[in-house]
Each structure stands twice: as C-alpha cells, then as structure tokens.
C-alpha atoms as a PDB file:
ATOM      1  CA  UNK A   1      67.912 160.911  11.328  1.00  0.00           C
ATOM      2  CA  UNK A   2      68.079 157.576   9.412  1.00  0.00           C
ATOM      3  CA  UNK A   3      64.449 157.828   7.900  1.00  0.00           C
ATOM      4  CA  UNK A   4      65.612 160.746   5.851  1.00  0.00           C
ATOM      5  CA  UNK A   5      67.419 158.464   3.531  1.00  0.00           C
ATOM      6  CA  UNK A   6      66.112 158.332  -0.156  1.00  0.00           C
ATOM      7  CA  UNK A   7      66.074 154.763  -0.774  1.00  0.00           C
ATOM      8  CA  UNK A   8      64.875 155.290  -4.313  1.00  0.00           C
ATOM      9  CA  UNK A   9      67.871 157.166  -5.230  1.00  0.00           C
ATOM     10  CA  UNK A  10      70.787 155.696  -3.648  1.00  0.00           C
ATOM     11  CA  UNK A  11      74.484 156.741  -4.802  1.00  0.00           C
ATOM     12  CA  UNK A  12      75.782 153.351  -3.351  1.00  0.00           C
ATOM     13  CA  UNK A  13      74.425 150.418  -1.943  1.00  0.00           C
ATOM     14  CA  UNK A  14      73.448 150.593   1.910  1.00  0.00           C
ATOM     15  CA  UNK A  15      73.612 147.946   4.250  1.00  0.00           C
ATOM     16  CA  UNK A  16      71.240 148.421   7.257  1.00  0.00           C
ATOM     17  CA  UNK A  17      71.744 146.917  10.512  1.00  0.00           C
ATOM     18  CA  UNK A  18      68.732 147.001  12.886  1.00  0.00           C
ATOM     19  CA  UNK A  19      69.417 146.346  16.380  1.00  0.00           C
ATOM     20  CA  UNK A  20      68.233 147.110  19.941  1.00  0.00           C
ATOM     21  CA  UNK A  21      70.564 147.757  23.085  1.00  0.00           C
ATOM     22  CA  UNK A  22      68.597 145.232  25.138  1.00  0.00           C
ATOM     23  CA  UNK A  23      69.215 142.428  22.525  1.00  0.00           C
ATOM     24  CA  UNK A  24      72.325 140.571  23.679  1.00  0.00           C
ATOM     25  CA  UNK A  25      72.533 138.882  19.941  1.00  0.00           C
ATOM     26  CA  UNK A  26      72.729 142.334  18.445  1.00  0.00           C
ATOM     27  CA  UNK A  27      75.650 143.126  20.715  1.00  0.00           C
ATOM     28  CA  UNK A  28      77.304 139.855  19.056  1.00  0.00           C
ATOM     29  CA  UNK A  29      76.423 141.098  15.851  1.00  0.00           C
ATOM     30  CA  UNK A  30      77.762 144.582  16.336  1.00  0.00           C
ATOM     31  CA  UNK A  31      80.864 143.139  17.444  1.00  0.00           C
ATOM     32  CA  UNK A  32      81.515 141.278  14.291  1.00  0.00           C
ATOM     33  CA  UNK A  33      80.191 144.321  12.210  1.00  0.00           C
ATOM     34  CA  UNK A  34      82.672 146.676  14.213  1.00  0.00           C
ATOM     35  CA  UNK A  35      85.701 143.999  13.490  1.00  0.00           C
ATOM     36  CA  UNK A  36      84.977 144.656   9.472  1.00  0.00           C
ATOM     37  CA  UNK A  37      83.355 147.881   9.462  1.00  0.00           C
ATOM     38  CA  UNK A  38      86.318 149.347   7.297  1.00  0.00           C
ATOM     39  CA  UNK A  39      86.075 146.662   4.669  1.00  0.00           C
ATOM     40  CA  UNK A  40      82.119 147.284   4.498  1.00  0.00           C
ATOM     41  CA  UNK A  41      82.327 151.013   3.909  1.00  0.00           C
ATOM     42  CA  UNK A  42      84.682 150.451   1.185  1.00  0.00           C
ATOM     43  CA  UNK A  43      81.883 148.719  -1.248  1.00  0.00           C
ATOM     44  CA  UNK A  44      78.525 149.979   0.538  1.00  0.00           C
ATOM     45  CA  UNK A  45      77.047 152.971   2.761  1.00  0.00           C
ATOM     46  CA  UNK A  46      76.785 151.357   6.695  1.00  0.00           C
ATOM     47  CA  UNK A  47      73.824 152.462   8.637  1.00  0.00           C
ATOM     48  CA  UNK A  48      72.872 151.199  12.265  1.00  0.00           C
ATOM     49  CA  UNK A  49      69.378 151.665  13.037  1.00  0.00           C
ATOM     50  CA  UNK A  50      68.016 151.102  16.731  1.00  0.00           C
ATOM     51  CA  UNK A  51      64.612 149.882  16.444  1.00  0.00           C
ATOM     52  CA  UNK A  52      63.663 151.666  19.634  1.00  0.00           C
ATOM     53  CA  UNK A  53      64.590 155.057  18.375  1.00  0.00           C
ATOM     54  CA  UNK A  54      63.558 154.607  14.680  1.00  0.00           C
ATOM     55  CA  UNK A  55      60.158 152.866  14.355  1.00  0.00           C
ATOM     56  CA  UNK A  56      59.613 154.208  11.025  1.00  0.00           C
ATOM     57  CA  UNK A  57      62.575 152.307   9.512  1.00  0.00           C
ATOM     58  CA  UNK A  58      61.575 149.299  11.395  1.00  0.00           C
ATOM     59  CA  UNK A  59      58.208 149.339  10.248  1.00  0.00           C
ATOM     60  CA  UNK A  60      59.231 150.453   6.658  1.00  0.00           C
ATOM     61  CA  UNK A  61      61.360 146.957   6.160  1.00  0.00           C
ATOM     62  CA  UNK A  62      58.793 144.876   8.065  1.00  0.00           C
ATOM     63  CA  UNK A  63      61.789 144.064  10.798  1.00  0.00           C
ATOM     64  CA  UNK A  64      60.157 141.675  13.375  1.00  0.00           C
ATOM     65  CA  UNK A  65      63.225 140.444  15.383  1.00  0.00           C
ATOM     66  CA  UNK A  66      66.682 141.703  15.693  1.00  0.00           C
ATOM     67  CA  UNK A  67      69.374 141.581  14.801  1.00  0.00           C
ATOM     68  CA  UNK A  68      68.354 142.045  11.206  1.00  0.00           C
ATOM     69  CA  UNK A  69      70.605 143.075   8.274  1.00  0.00           C
ATOM     70  CA  UNK A  70      69.133 144.209   4.911  1.00  0.00           C
ATOM     71  CA  UNK A  71      71.535 145.036   2.095  1.00  0.00           C
ATOM     72  CA  UNK A  72      69.907 147.351  -0.622  1.00  0.00           C
ATOM     73  CA  UNK A  73      71.298 147.656  -4.101  1.00  0.00           C
ATOM     74  CA  UNK A  74      71.607 150.979  -5.850  1.00  0.00           C
ATOM     75  CA  UNK A  75      67.954 150.752  -6.878  1.00  0.00           C
ATOM     76  CA  UNK A  76      66.578 150.761  -3.181  1.00  0.00           C
ATOM     77  CA  UNK A  77      65.898 147.008  -3.695  1.00  0.00           C
ATOM     78  CA  UNK A  78      66.522 144.468  -1.302  1.00  0.00           C
ATOM     79  CA  UNK A  79      69.400 142.298  -2.237  1.00  0.00           C
ATOM     80  CA  UNK A  80      69.898 140.297   0.693  1.00  0.00           C
ATOM     81  CA  UNK A  81      68.433 140.132   4.117  1.00  0.00           C
ATOM     82  CA  UNK A  82      69.614 138.344   7.162  1.00  0.00           C
ATOM     83  CA  UNK A  83      67.983 137.540  10.622  1.00  0.00           C
ATOM     84  CA  UNK A  84      70.633 136.577  13.400  1.00  0.00           C
ATOM     85  CA  UNK A  85      74.137 136.598  13.788  1.00  0.00           C
ATOM     86  CA  UNK A  86      76.166 135.490  10.868  1.00  0.00           C
ATOM     87  CA  UNK A  87      79.958 135.052  10.395  1.00  0.00           C
ATOM     88  CA  UNK A  88      81.828 137.961   8.581  1.00  0.00           C
ATOM     89  CA  UNK A  89      82.599 135.942   5.676  1.00  0.00           C
ATOM     90  CA  UNK A  90      78.662 135.608   4.774  1.00  0.00           C
ATOM     91  CA  UNK A  91      78.411 139.481   5.000  1.00  0.00           C
ATOM     92  CA  UNK A  92      81.486 140.537   3.260  1.00  0.00           C
ATOM     93  CA  UNK A  93      80.335 137.852   0.579  1.00  0.00           C
ATOM     94  CA  UNK A  94      77.257 139.797  -0.202  1.00  0.00           C
ATOM     95  CA  UNK A  95      78.490 143.235   0.604  1.00  0.00           C
ATOM     96  CA  UNK A  96      81.192 142.496  -2.454  1.00  0.00           C
ATOM     97  CA  UNK A  97      78.341 141.141  -4.920  1.00  0.00           C
ATOM     98  CA  UNK A  98      75.842 143.918  -4.461  1.00  0.00           C
ATOM     99  CA  UNK A  99      75.599 146.566  -7.007  1.00  0.00           C
END
C-alpha cells in the first residue's frame, strides 16, 4: 500500500512514521501524533508505516529501530530523521520548516 508512493515525485513533503504494534514507545509516539495530526496534515502528507507489514519501505529507508520518523521534502530528500519519542513541539518545528 504505502510502498506505491513515488518518493521522487512528491506533491507535498511527507512525514513517515515507522512503528510496530508490539512496540511500547511506538504507542506513546502514536498518541503524540494523534493529538497533532490535524496540524501535521495542514503542512505535509502523513503516512504511518507498520514495519511488520511493509518491509520494503523499512529497508528502503534503513529503519533499524522503532519508532522512527522520517520527514521528506518535495524532492524526496530526507529533511529530518528522528528515532524515539519526541515532544510535539519538536515535530511541528520541522513540519513547519520543510519545503
């Protein structure tokens, strides 16, 4: 499903959240993202990627631990990458700055 995204031809920047259902920190981060999802989607596209179901994307972005967020600019280049739980202000700072 998500692996059909053409990362070389994005209409908007995109935030990828890599997670797993069995990962406790992932659930914490998902709660943070749920709270600010509306604000995120005003600026970028937002896609949640379950690493147990979409191994292609996990491998393409060299995700070795979860939770990991990767923010891509419109050119498909990595603008910001973060592993672990971060406060919503940190996420929104990068979401507002990416082009």
